[in-house]
Amino acid sequence: MNVLYLAALAVSSAGLLALDARLRLAVFRFPRRAAVVLAIAIAGFLAWDLAGIALGIFFEGNRALLVGVDLAPELPLEEVFFLLLLTLTALEAFAVTARLLERRDGVR
């Protein structure tokens, strides 16, 4: 069992959340909205993954890098953490961009 990849995903997500907490970007500024966005996006990506798995397009990679917990055939636990990181990154990037545009336009 290898936890390095899962730990890297968790630490990266924690870093984004720490940045969000410090700057009050999305999750710590609008927690309910952010939770809804994260839930919908992750559910959508999981549906996409399951469709790709069913079609034989997606498959589980190198098992030596994974903890060995599968949520479904060819769907490792790490995928959910990756999707969380992916979605958090997009949400934070959107929030930072919106804040910079507001400052540029003089909107407070």
C-alpha atoms as a PDB file:
ATOM      1  CA  MET A   1       0.000   0.000   0.000  1.00  0.00           C
ATOM      2  CA  ASN A   2       1.438   3.339  -1.083  1.00  0.00           C
ATOM      3  CA  VAL A   3      -0.018   6.523   0.410  1.00  0.00           C
ATOM      4  CA  LEU A   4       2.374   9.000  -1.215  1.00  0.00           C
ATOM      5  CA  TYR A   5       0.078   9.983  -4.109  1.00  0.00           C
ATOM      6  CA  LEU A   6      -2.973  10.251  -1.852  1.00  0.00           C
ATOM      7  CA  ALA A   7      -0.961  12.293   0.655  1.00  0.00           C
ATOM      8  CA  ALA A   8       0.271  14.615  -2.100  1.00  0.00           C
ATOM      9  CA  LEU A   9      -3.316  15.199  -3.254  1.00  0.00           C
ATOM     10  CA  ALA A  10      -4.482  15.834   0.322  1.00  0.00           C
ATOM     11  CA  VAL A  11      -1.605  18.223   1.102  1.00  0.00           C
ATOM     12  CA  SER A  12      -2.170  20.119  -2.149  1.00  0.00           C
ATOM     13  CA  SER A  13      -5.892  20.476  -1.414  1.00  0.00           C
ATOM     14  CA  ALA A  14      -5.097  21.593   2.131  1.00  0.00           C
ATOM     15  CA  GLY A  15      -2.708  24.198   0.732  1.00  0.00           C
ATOM     16  CA  LEU A  16      -5.403  25.568  -1.555  1.00  0.00           C
ATOM     17  CA  LEU A  17      -7.854  25.678   1.342  1.00  0.00           C
ATOM     18  CA  ALA A  18      -5.273  27.484   3.502  1.00  0.00           C
ATOM     19  CA  LEU A  19      -4.800  30.054   0.743  1.00  0.00           C
ATOM     20  CA  ASP A  20      -8.569  30.374   0.453  1.00  0.00           C
ATOM     21  CA  ALA A  21      -8.886  30.867   4.218  1.00  0.00           C
ATOM     22  CA  ARG A  22      -6.171  33.536   4.216  1.00  0.00           C
ATOM     23  CA  LEU A  23      -7.585  35.492   1.265  1.00  0.00           C
ATOM     24  CA  ARG A  24     -11.269  34.532   1.668  1.00  0.00           C
ATOM     25  CA  LEU A  25     -11.549  33.664  -2.004  1.00  0.00           C
ATOM     26  CA  ALA A  26     -14.381  31.159  -2.397  1.00  0.00           C
ATOM     27  CA  VAL A  27     -14.777  28.374   0.154  1.00  0.00           C
ATOM     28  CA  PHE A  28     -14.274  30.662   3.147  1.00  0.00           C
ATOM     29  CA  ARG A  29     -16.115  33.583   1.558  1.00  0.00           C
ATOM     30  CA  PHE A  30     -19.221  31.769   0.291  1.00  0.00           C
ATOM     31  CA  PRO A  31     -19.120  28.324   1.940  1.00  0.00           C
ATOM     32  CA  ARG A  32     -22.568  27.119   0.851  1.00  0.00           C
ATOM     33  CA  ARG A  33     -22.097  28.205  -2.755  1.00  0.00           C
ATOM     34  CA  ALA A  34     -18.637  26.685  -2.863  1.00  0.00           C
ATOM     35  CA  ALA A  35     -19.892  23.402  -1.399  1.00  0.00           C
ATOM     36  CA  VAL A  36     -22.626  23.210  -4.046  1.00  0.00           C
ATOM     37  CA  VAL A  37     -20.173  23.997  -6.845  1.00  0.00           C
ATOM     38  CA  LEU A  38     -17.677  21.427  -5.570  1.00  0.00           C
ATOM     39  CA  ALA A  39     -20.340  18.735  -5.141  1.00  0.00           C
ATOM     40  CA  ILE A  40     -21.851  19.278  -8.596  1.00  0.00           C
ATOM     41  CA  ALA A  41     -18.468  19.419 -10.318  1.00  0.00           C
ATOM     42  CA  ILE A  42     -17.090  16.336  -8.574  1.00  0.00           C
ATOM     43  CA  ALA A  43     -20.316  14.403  -9.262  1.00  0.00           C
ATOM     44  CA  GLY A  44     -20.112  15.434 -12.919  1.00  0.00           C
ATOM     45  CA  PHE A  45     -16.491  14.385 -13.203  1.00  0.00           C
ATOM     46  CA  LEU A  46     -17.246  11.062 -11.484  1.00  0.00           C
ATOM     47  CA  ALA A  47     -20.083  10.441 -13.950  1.00  0.00           C
ATOM     48  CA  TRP A  48     -17.648  11.257 -16.760  1.00  0.00           C
ATOM     49  CA  ASP A  49     -15.109   8.819 -15.280  1.00  0.00           C
ATOM     50  CA  LEU A  50     -17.688   6.054 -14.894  1.00  0.00           C
ATOM     51  CA  ALA A  51     -18.844   6.533 -18.486  1.00  0.00           C
ATOM     52  CA  GLY A  52     -15.235   6.388 -19.680  1.00  0.00           C
ATOM     53  CA  ILE A  53     -14.625   3.245 -17.624  1.00  0.00           C
ATOM     54  CA  ALA A  54     -17.772   1.599 -18.997  1.00  0.00           C
ATOM     55  CA  LEU A  55     -16.641   2.397 -22.551  1.00  0.00           C
ATOM     56  CA  GLY A  56     -13.174   0.998 -21.876  1.00  0.00           C
ATOM     57  CA  ILE A  57     -11.503   4.385 -22.382  1.00  0.00           C
ATOM     58  CA  PHE A  58     -10.415   4.956 -18.768  1.00  0.00           C
ATOM     59  CA  PHE A  59      -8.660   2.379 -16.630  1.00  0.00           C
ATOM     60  CA  GLU A  60      -6.815   2.230 -13.363  1.00  0.00           C
ATOM     61  CA  GLY A  61      -3.176   3.089 -13.712  1.00  0.00           C
ATOM     62  CA  ASN A  62      -0.153   1.824 -11.824  1.00  0.00           C
ATOM     63  CA  ARG A  63      -1.525   0.112  -8.700  1.00  0.00           C
ATOM     64  CA  ALA A  64       1.865   0.444  -7.007  1.00  0.00           C
ATOM     65  CA  LEU A  65       1.138   4.173  -6.585  1.00  0.00           C
ATOM     66  CA  LEU A  66      -2.323   3.657  -5.049  1.00  0.00           C
ATOM     67  CA  VAL A  67      -3.556   2.681  -1.590  1.00  0.00           C
ATOM     68  CA  GLY A  68      -5.568  -0.191  -3.070  1.00  0.00           C
ATOM     69  CA  VAL A  69      -9.080   1.002  -2.222  1.00  0.00           C
ATOM     70  CA  ASP A  70     -11.405   0.955  -5.227  1.00  0.00           C
ATOM     71  CA  LEU A  71     -14.752   2.743  -5.087  1.00  0.00           C
ATOM     72  CA  ALA A  72     -15.846   0.871  -8.215  1.00  0.00           C
ATOM     73  CA  PRO A  73     -13.994  -1.271 -10.753  1.00  0.00           C
ATOM     74  CA  GLU A  74     -11.173   0.831 -12.229  1.00  0.00           C
ATOM     75  CA  LEU A  75     -12.062   3.770  -9.919  1.00  0.00           C
ATOM     76  CA  PRO A  76      -9.476   4.182  -7.140  1.00  0.00           C
ATOM     77  CA  LEU A  77     -10.063   6.277  -4.020  1.00  0.00           C
ATOM     78  CA  GLU A  78      -7.379   8.695  -5.175  1.00  0.00           C
ATOM     79  CA  GLU A  79      -9.563   9.748  -8.118  1.00  0.00           C
ATOM     80  CA  VAL A  80     -12.020  11.501  -5.796  1.00  0.00           C
ATOM     81  CA  PHE A  81      -9.169  13.412  -4.149  1.00  0.00           C
ATOM     82  CA  PHE A  82      -7.761  14.308  -7.563  1.00  0.00           C
ATOM     83  CA  LEU A  83     -11.164  15.600  -8.674  1.00  0.00           C
ATOM     84  CA  LEU A  84     -11.421  17.643  -5.474  1.00  0.00           C
ATOM     85  CA  LEU A  85      -8.003  19.174  -6.165  1.00  0.00           C
ATOM     86  CA  LEU A  86      -8.894  19.850  -9.799  1.00  0.00           C
ATOM     87  CA  THR A  87     -12.186  21.504  -8.878  1.00  0.00           C
ATOM     88  CA  LEU A  88     -10.676  23.512  -6.023  1.00  0.00           C
ATOM     89  CA  THR A  89      -7.946  24.778  -8.340  1.00  0.00           C
ATOM     90  CA  ALA A  90     -10.515  25.946 -10.897  1.00  0.00           C
ATOM     91  CA  LEU A  91     -12.698  27.535  -8.207  1.00  0.00           C
ATOM     92  CA  GLU A  92      -9.757  29.387  -6.653  1.00  0.00           C
ATOM     93  CA  ALA A  93      -8.487  30.538 -10.064  1.00  0.00           C
ATOM     94  CA  PHE A  94     -11.943  31.870 -10.909  1.00  0.00           C
ATOM     95  CA  ALA A  95     -12.187  33.668  -7.547  1.00  0.00           C
ATOM     96  CA  VAL A  96      -8.739  35.245  -7.898  1.00  0.00           C
ATOM     97  CA  THR A  97      -9.495  36.373 -11.451  1.00  0.00           C
ATOM     98  CA  ALA A  98     -12.829  37.874 -10.401  1.00  0.00           C
ATOM     99  CA  ARG A  99     -11.162  39.726  -7.522  1.00  0.00           C
ATOM    100  CA  LEU A 100      -8.414  41.106  -9.764  1.00  0.00           C
ATOM    101  CA  LEU A 101     -10.955  42.271 -12.348  1.00  0.00           C
ATOM    102  CA  GLU A 102     -13.026  43.933  -9.620  1.00  0.00           C
ATOM    103  CA  ARG A 103      -9.973  45.794  -8.364  1.00  0.00           C
ATOM    104  CA  ARG A 104      -9.022  46.822 -11.876  1.00  0.00           C
ATOM    105  CA  ASP A 105     -12.514  48.162 -12.512  1.00  0.00           C
ATOM    106  CA  GLY A 106     -12.716  49.863  -9.104  1.00  0.00           C
ATOM    107  CA  VAL A 107     -15.530  47.666  -7.806  1.00  0.00           C
ATOM    108  CA  ARG A 108     -15.392  46.871  -4.076  1.00  0.00           C
END
